[in-house]
Amino acid sequence: MRRNMQDSCSKNAVFDAASDALLTKRELAPKLKRSVRTVDCWMRQGKLPYIKLNKTVLFRWGDVLEKLASFRVN
């Protein structure tokens, strides 16, 4: 039983690590199938959550998916 819990936790950790991966604008744009310019526009419009460290802008993939899901119509 304990081993199953450990295996389950390690699998969730891998998923969490992937969803919490930090991406640049250039890395995010192809994942969204959009241009970097569109990513910039969506940032200004508040459609994408981002982290800004000095001049560096980063996106957490899980947060981006969650925010985009909030715009779902049906």
PDB file of N, CA and C in Angstrom:
ATOM      1  N   MET A   1       0.830  -1.190   0.000  1.00  0.00           N
ATOM      2  CA  MET A   1       0.000   0.000   0.000  1.00  0.00           C
ATOM      3  C   MET A   1       0.873   1.251   0.000  1.00  0.00           C
ATOM      4  N   ARG A   2       1.863   1.254   0.873  1.00  0.00           N
ATOM      5  CA  ARG A   2       2.742   2.415   0.973  1.00  0.00           C
ATOM      6  C   ARG A   2       3.499   2.636  -0.339  1.00  0.00           C
ATOM      7  N   ARG A   3       3.925   1.543  -0.953  1.00  0.00           N
ATOM      8  CA  ARG A   3       4.653   1.651  -2.214  1.00  0.00           C
ATOM      9  C   ARG A   3       3.767   2.269  -3.300  1.00  0.00           C
ATOM     10  N   ASN A   4       2.487   1.859  -3.341  1.00  0.00           N
ATOM     11  CA  ASN A   4       1.567   2.427  -4.323  1.00  0.00           C
ATOM     12  C   ASN A   4       1.403   3.922  -4.134  1.00  0.00           C
ATOM     13  N   MET A   5       1.350   4.356  -2.889  1.00  0.00           N
ATOM     14  CA  MET A   5       1.227   5.787  -2.617  1.00  0.00           C
ATOM     15  C   MET A   5       2.473   6.526  -3.077  1.00  0.00           C
ATOM     16  N   GLN A   6       3.646   5.936  -2.851  1.00  0.00           N
ATOM     17  CA  GLN A   6       4.894   6.565  -3.274  1.00  0.00           C
ATOM     18  C   GLN A   6       4.953   6.648  -4.797  1.00  0.00           C
ATOM     19  N   ASP A   7       4.545   5.566  -5.480  1.00  0.00           N
ATOM     20  CA  ASP A   7       4.538   5.578  -6.936  1.00  0.00           C
ATOM     21  C   ASP A   7       3.576   6.640  -7.453  1.00  0.00           C
ATOM     22  N   SER A   8       2.417   6.712  -6.819  1.00  0.00           N
ATOM     23  CA  SER A   8       1.420   7.693  -7.228  1.00  0.00           C
ATOM     24  C   SER A   8       1.940   9.113  -7.026  1.00  0.00           C
ATOM     25  N   CYS A   9       2.592   9.353  -5.906  1.00  0.00           N
ATOM     26  CA  CYS A   9       3.133  10.685  -5.624  1.00  0.00           C
ATOM     27  C   CYS A   9       4.215  11.056  -6.627  1.00  0.00           C
ATOM     28  N   SER A  10       5.068  10.092  -6.977  1.00  0.00           N
ATOM     29  CA  SER A  10       6.145  10.407  -7.909  1.00  0.00           C
ATOM     30  C   SER A  10       5.580  10.685  -9.301  1.00  0.00           C
ATOM     31  N   LYS A  11       4.521   9.985  -9.707  1.00  0.00           N
ATOM     32  CA  LYS A  11       3.891  10.256 -10.997  1.00  0.00           C
ATOM     33  C   LYS A  11       3.264  11.648 -11.001  1.00  0.00           C
ATOM     34  N   ASN A  12       2.611  12.025  -9.894  1.00  0.00           N
ATOM     35  CA  ASN A  12       2.021  13.360  -9.797  1.00  0.00           C
ATOM     36  C   ASN A  12       3.102  14.426  -9.800  1.00  0.00           C
ATOM     37  N   ALA A  13       4.231  14.137  -9.191  1.00  0.00           N
ATOM     38  CA  ALA A  13       5.324  15.103  -9.160  1.00  0.00           C
ATOM     39  C   ALA A  13       5.837  15.364 -10.571  1.00  0.00           C
ATOM     40  N   VAL A  14       5.895  14.317 -11.390  1.00  0.00           N
ATOM     41  CA  VAL A  14       6.342  14.483 -12.775  1.00  0.00           C
ATOM     42  C   VAL A  14       5.335  15.336 -13.530  1.00  0.00           C
ATOM     43  N   PHE A  15       4.049  15.071 -13.346  1.00  0.00           N
ATOM     44  CA  PHE A  15       3.018  15.862 -14.017  1.00  0.00           C
ATOM     45  C   PHE A  15       3.065  17.310 -13.547  1.00  0.00           C
ATOM     46  N   ASP A  16       3.183  17.515 -12.233  1.00  0.00           N
ATOM     47  CA  ASP A  16       3.243  18.869 -11.691  1.00  0.00           C
ATOM     48  C   ASP A  16       4.458  19.610 -12.211  1.00  0.00           C
ATOM     49  N   ALA A  17       5.576  18.921 -12.320  1.00  0.00           N
ATOM     50  CA  ALA A  17       6.791  19.560 -12.821  1.00  0.00           C
ATOM     51  C   ALA A  17       6.592  19.996 -14.270  1.00  0.00           C
ATOM     52  N   ALA A  18       5.914  19.183 -15.062  1.00  0.00           N
ATOM     53  CA  ALA A  18       5.677  19.533 -16.461  1.00  0.00           C
ATOM     54  C   ALA A  18       4.708  20.708 -16.563  1.00  0.00           C
ATOM     55  N   SER A  19       3.683  20.726 -15.721  1.00  0.00           N
ATOM     56  CA  SER A  19       2.709  21.807 -15.803  1.00  0.00           C
ATOM     57  C   SER A  19       3.253  23.094 -15.195  1.00  0.00           C
ATOM     58  N   ASP A  20       4.266  22.990 -14.354  1.00  0.00           N
ATOM     59  CA  ASP A  20       4.868  24.168 -13.741  1.00  0.00           C
ATOM     60  C   ASP A  20       6.127  24.619 -14.460  1.00  0.00           C
ATOM     61  N   ALA A  21       6.416  24.001 -15.605  1.00  0.00           N
ATOM     62  CA  ALA A  21       7.603  24.390 -16.359  1.00  0.00           C
ATOM     63  C   ALA A  21       7.493  25.853 -16.762  1.00  0.00           C
ATOM     64  N   LEU A  22       8.590  26.579 -16.641  1.00  0.00           N
ATOM     65  CA  LEU A  22       8.609  27.987 -17.026  1.00  0.00           C
ATOM     66  C   LEU A  22       9.033  28.104 -18.479  1.00  0.00           C
ATOM     67  N   LEU A  23       8.260  28.864 -19.235  1.00  0.00           N
ATOM     68  CA  LEU A  23       8.495  29.027 -20.664  1.00  0.00           C
ATOM     69  C   LEU A  23       8.702  30.495 -21.004  1.00  0.00           C
ATOM     70  N   THR A  24       9.518  30.742 -22.007  1.00  0.00           N
ATOM     71  CA  THR A  24       9.667  32.086 -22.542  1.00  0.00           C
ATOM     72  C   THR A  24       8.558  32.331 -23.565  1.00  0.00           C
ATOM     73  N   LYS A  25       8.455  33.570 -24.051  1.00  0.00           N
ATOM     74  CA  LYS A  25       7.456  33.875 -25.093  1.00  0.00           C
ATOM     75  C   LYS A  25       7.706  33.032 -26.336  1.00  0.00           C
ATOM     76  N   ARG A  26       8.965  32.907 -26.703  1.00  0.00           N
ATOM     77  CA  ARG A  26       9.308  32.123 -27.910  1.00  0.00           C
ATOM     78  C   ARG A  26       8.981  30.648 -27.752  1.00  0.00           C
ATOM     79  N   GLU A  27       9.040  30.126 -26.537  1.00  0.00           N
ATOM     80  CA  GLU A  27       8.688  28.724 -26.295  1.00  0.00           C
ATOM     81  C   GLU A  27       7.174  28.547 -26.188  1.00  0.00           C
ATOM     82  N   LEU A  28       6.506  29.557 -25.641  1.00  0.00           N
ATOM     83  CA  LEU A  28       5.063  29.469 -25.446  1.00  0.00           C
ATOM     84  C   LEU A  28       4.288  29.597 -26.755  1.00  0.00           C
ATOM     85  N   ALA A  29       4.704  30.497 -27.608  1.00  0.00           N
ATOM     86  CA  ALA A  29       3.969  30.769 -28.849  1.00  0.00           C
ATOM     87  C   ALA A  29       3.698  29.503 -29.671  1.00  0.00           C
ATOM     88  N   PRO A  30       4.689  28.676 -29.971  1.00  0.00           N
ATOM     89  CA  PRO A  30       4.386  27.469 -30.769  1.00  0.00           C
ATOM     90  C   PRO A  30       3.495  26.469 -30.021  1.00  0.00           C
ATOM     91  N   LYS A  31       3.594  26.424 -28.697  1.00  0.00           N
ATOM     92  CA  LYS A  31       2.725  25.523 -27.935  1.00  0.00           C
ATOM     93  C   LYS A  31       1.261  25.944 -28.072  1.00  0.00           C
ATOM     94  N   LEU A  32       1.039  27.250 -28.196  1.00  0.00           N
ATOM     95  CA  LEU A  32      -0.314  27.775 -28.366  1.00  0.00           C
ATOM     96  C   LEU A  32      -0.714  27.872 -29.839  1.00  0.00           C
ATOM     97  N   LYS A  33       0.237  27.578 -30.722  1.00  0.00           N
ATOM     98  CA  LYS A  33       0.033  27.701 -32.174  1.00  0.00           C
ATOM     99  C   LYS A  33      -0.332  29.132 -32.547  1.00  0.00           C
ATOM    100  N   ARG A  34       0.379  30.064 -31.942  1.00  0.00           N
ATOM    101  CA  ARG A  34       0.196  31.489 -32.174  1.00  0.00           C
ATOM    102  C   ARG A  34       1.561  32.136 -32.330  1.00  0.00           C
ATOM    103  N   SER A  35       1.585  33.377 -32.788  1.00  0.00           N
ATOM    104  CA  SER A  35       2.847  34.101 -32.950  1.00  0.00           C
ATOM    105  C   SER A  35       3.257  34.745 -31.624  1.00  0.00           C
ATOM    106  N   VAL A  36       4.520  35.133 -31.553  1.00  0.00           N
ATOM    107  CA  VAL A  36       5.024  35.839 -30.372  1.00  0.00           C
ATOM    108  C   VAL A  36       4.268  37.160 -30.215  1.00  0.00           C
ATOM    109  N   ARG A  37       3.936  37.783 -31.332  1.00  0.00           N
ATOM    110  CA  ARG A  37       3.185  39.039 -31.292  1.00  0.00           C
ATOM    111  C   ARG A  37       1.807  38.838 -30.650  1.00  0.00           C
ATOM    112  N   THR A  38       1.151  37.731 -30.956  1.00  0.00           N
ATOM    113  CA  THR A  38      -0.139  37.427 -30.336  1.00  0.00           C
ATOM    114  C   THR A  38       0.020  37.214 -28.844  1.00  0.00           C
ATOM    115  N   VAL A  39       1.080  36.524 -28.447  1.00  0.00           N
ATOM    116  CA  VAL A  39       1.360  36.324 -27.019  1.00  0.00           C
ATOM    117  C   VAL A  39       1.518  37.679 -26.338  1.00  0.00           C
ATOM    118  N   ASP A  40       2.243  38.606 -26.971  1.00  0.00           N
ATOM    119  CA  ASP A  40       2.402  39.961 -26.421  1.00  0.00           C
ATOM    120  C   ASP A  40       1.047  40.648 -26.251  1.00  0.00           C
ATOM    121  N   CYS A  41       0.207  40.560 -27.271  1.00  0.00           N
ATOM    122  CA  CYS A  41      -1.117  41.182 -27.209  1.00  0.00           C
ATOM    123  C   CYS A  41      -1.961  40.578 -26.086  1.00  0.00           C
ATOM    124  N   TRP A  42      -1.948  39.265 -25.986  1.00  0.00           N
ATOM    125  CA  TRP A  42      -2.723  38.591 -24.945  1.00  0.00           C
ATOM    126  C   TRP A  42      -2.215  38.953 -23.555  1.00  0.00           C
ATOM    127  N   MET A  43      -0.910  39.174 -23.432  1.00  0.00           N
ATOM    128  CA  MET A  43      -0.349  39.618 -22.145  1.00  0.00           C
ATOM    129  C   MET A  43      -0.924  40.987 -21.779  1.00  0.00           C
ATOM    130  N   ARG A  44      -0.882  41.916 -22.727  1.00  0.00           N
ATOM    131  CA  ARG A  44      -1.378  43.277 -22.479  1.00  0.00           C
ATOM    132  C   ARG A  44      -2.868  43.285 -22.139  1.00  0.00           C
ATOM    133  N   GLN A  45      -3.621  42.364 -22.747  1.00  0.00           N
ATOM    134  CA  GLN A  45      -5.060  42.282 -22.517  1.00  0.00           C
ATOM    135  C   GLN A  45      -5.410  41.515 -21.242  1.00  0.00           C
ATOM    136  N   GLY A  46      -4.396  40.963 -20.574  1.00  0.00           N
ATOM    137  CA  GLY A  46      -4.637  40.211 -19.348  1.00  0.00           C
ATOM    138  C   GLY A  46      -5.148  38.801 -19.578  1.00  0.00           C
ATOM    139  N   LYS A  47      -4.996  38.301 -20.789  1.00  0.00           N
ATOM    140  CA  LYS A  47      -5.472  36.956 -21.120  1.00  0.00           C
ATOM    141  C   LYS A  47      -4.475  35.869 -20.739  1.00  0.00           C
ATOM    142  N   LEU A  48      -3.228  36.245 -20.503  1.00  0.00           N
ATOM    143  CA  LEU A  48      -2.199  35.276 -20.131  1.00  0.00           C
ATOM    144  C   LEU A  48      -1.520  35.715 -18.836  1.00  0.00           C
ATOM    145  N   PRO A  49      -1.455  34.809 -17.853  1.00  0.00           N
ATOM    146  CA  PRO A  49      -0.716  35.126 -16.634  1.00  0.00           C
ATOM    147  C   PRO A  49       0.777  34.949 -16.893  1.00  0.00           C
ATOM    148  N   TYR A  50       1.583  35.848 -16.371  1.00  0.00           N
ATOM    149  CA  TYR A  50       3.025  35.744 -16.584  1.00  0.00           C
ATOM    150  C   TYR A  50       3.786  36.237 -15.368  1.00  0.00           C
ATOM    151  N   ILE A  51       5.047  35.881 -15.349  1.00  0.00           N
ATOM    152  CA  ILE A  51       5.973  36.277 -14.282  1.00  0.00           C
ATOM    153  C   ILE A  51       7.008  37.181 -14.922  1.00  0.00           C
ATOM    154  N   LYS A  52       7.259  38.315 -14.313  1.00  0.00           N
ATOM    155  CA  LYS A  52       8.266  39.220 -14.868  1.00  0.00           C
ATOM    156  C   LYS A  52       9.389  39.392 -13.854  1.00  0.00           C
ATOM    157  N   LEU A  53      10.587  39.054 -14.271  1.00  0.00           N
ATOM    158  CA  LEU A  53      11.796  39.219 -13.470  1.00  0.00           C
ATOM    159  C   LEU A  53      12.734  40.135 -14.235  1.00  0.00           C
ATOM    160  N   ASN A  54      12.828  41.369 -13.779  1.00  0.00           N
ATOM    161  CA  ASN A  54      13.571  42.397 -14.502  1.00  0.00           C
ATOM    162  C   ASN A  54      13.008  42.500 -15.919  1.00  0.00           C
ATOM    163  N   LYS A  55      13.805  42.185 -16.935  1.00  0.00           N
ATOM    164  CA  LYS A  55      13.323  42.252 -18.314  1.00  0.00           C
ATOM    165  C   LYS A  55      12.866  40.908 -18.855  1.00  0.00           C
ATOM    166  N   THR A  56      12.965  39.874 -18.039  1.00  0.00           N
ATOM    167  CA  THR A  56      12.605  38.529 -18.465  1.00  0.00           C
ATOM    168  C   THR A  56      11.139  38.236 -18.160  1.00  0.00           C
ATOM    169  N   VAL A  57      10.427  37.755 -19.151  1.00  0.00           N
ATOM    170  CA  VAL A  57       9.024  37.371 -18.983  1.00  0.00           C
ATOM    171  C   VAL A  57       8.933  35.857 -19.120  1.00  0.00           C
ATOM    172  N   LEU A  58       8.309  35.219 -18.138  1.00  0.00           N
ATOM    173  CA  LEU A  58       8.161  33.765 -18.130  1.00  0.00           C
ATOM    174  C   LEU A  58       6.709  33.395 -17.889  1.00  0.00           C
ATOM    175  N   PHE A  59       6.338  32.243 -18.394  1.00  0.00           N
ATOM    176  CA  PHE A  59       4.975  31.742 -18.263  1.00  0.00           C
ATOM    177  C   PHE A  59       5.020  30.362 -17.637  1.00  0.00           C
ATOM    178  N   ARG A  60       4.120  30.089 -16.710  1.00  0.00           N
ATOM    179  CA  ARG A  60       3.969  28.755 -16.141  1.00  0.00           C
ATOM    180  C   ARG A  60       2.882  28.063 -16.962  1.00  0.00           C
ATOM    181  N   TRP A  61       3.222  26.975 -17.636  1.00  0.00           N
ATOM    182  CA  TRP A  61       2.339  26.308 -18.583  1.00  0.00           C
ATOM    183  C   TRP A  61       0.990  25.956 -17.959  1.00  0.00           C
ATOM    184  N   GLY A  62       0.987  25.424 -16.758  1.00  0.00           N
ATOM    185  CA  GLY A  62      -0.260  25.056 -16.087  1.00  0.00           C
ATOM    186  C   GLY A  62      -1.162  26.261 -15.866  1.00  0.00           C
ATOM    187  N   ASP A  63      -0.578  27.391 -15.492  1.00  0.00           N
ATOM    188  CA  ASP A  63      -1.360  28.617 -15.279  1.00  0.00           C
ATOM    189  C   ASP A  63      -1.955  29.129 -16.590  1.00  0.00           C
ATOM    190  N   VAL A  64      -1.183  29.022 -17.657  1.00  0.00           N
ATOM    191  CA  VAL A  64      -1.664  29.473 -18.973  1.00  0.00           C
ATOM    192  C   VAL A  64      -2.869  28.629 -19.393  1.00  0.00           C
ATOM    193  N   LEU A  65      -2.768  27.320 -19.261  1.00  0.00           N
ATOM    194  CA  LEU A  65      -3.879  26.444 -19.641  1.00  0.00           C
ATOM    195  C   LEU A  65      -5.121  26.727 -18.803  1.00  0.00           C
ATOM    196  N   GLU A  66      -4.911  26.939 -17.523  1.00  0.00           N
ATOM    197  CA  GLU A  66      -6.027  27.228 -16.621  1.00  0.00           C
ATOM    198  C   GLU A  66      -6.724  28.536 -17.017  1.00  0.00           C
ATOM    199  N   LYS A  67      -5.946  29.559 -17.298  1.00  0.00           N
ATOM    200  CA  LYS A  67      -6.511  30.856 -17.689  1.00  0.00           C
ATOM    201  C   LYS A  67      -7.261  30.754 -19.017  1.00  0.00           C
ATOM    202  N   LEU A  68      -6.667  30.071 -19.985  1.00  0.00           N
ATOM    203  CA  LEU A  68      -7.329  29.917 -21.279  1.00  0.00           C
ATOM    204  C   LEU A  68      -8.621  29.108 -21.151  1.00  0.00           C
ATOM    205  N   ALA A  69      -8.644  28.145 -20.256  1.00  0.00           N
ATOM    206  CA  ALA A  69      -9.853  27.345 -20.034  1.00  0.00           C
ATOM    207  C   ALA A  69     -10.981  28.201 -19.483  1.00  0.00           C
ATOM    208  N   SER A  70     -10.642  29.277 -18.791  1.00  0.00           N
ATOM    209  CA  SER A  70     -11.674  30.153 -18.233  1.00  0.00           C
ATOM    210  C   SER A  70     -12.434  30.916 -19.329  1.00  0.00           C
ATOM    211  N   PHE A  71     -11.879  30.956 -20.553  1.00  0.00           N
ATOM    212  CA  PHE A  71     -12.528  31.624 -21.662  1.00  0.00           C
ATOM    213  C   PHE A  71     -13.417  30.678 -22.469  1.00  0.00           C
ATOM    214  N   ARG A  72     -13.471  29.436 -22.048  1.00  0.00           N
ATOM    215  CA  ARG A  72     -14.274  28.436 -22.760  1.00  0.00           C
ATOM    216  C   ARG A  72     -15.744  28.836 -22.771  1.00  0.00           C
ATOM    217  N   VAL A  73     -16.396  28.706 -23.889  1.00  0.00           N
ATOM    218  CA  VAL A  73     -17.767  29.170 -24.053  1.00  0.00           C
ATOM    219  C   VAL A  73     -18.776  28.123 -23.617  1.00  0.00           C
ATOM    220  N   ASN A  74     -18.577  26.871 -23.977  1.00  0.00           N
ATOM    221  CA  ASN A  74     -19.591  25.853 -23.659  1.00  0.00           C
ATOM    222  C   ASN A  74     -19.310  25.130 -22.383  1.00  0.00           C
TER     223      ASN A  74
END
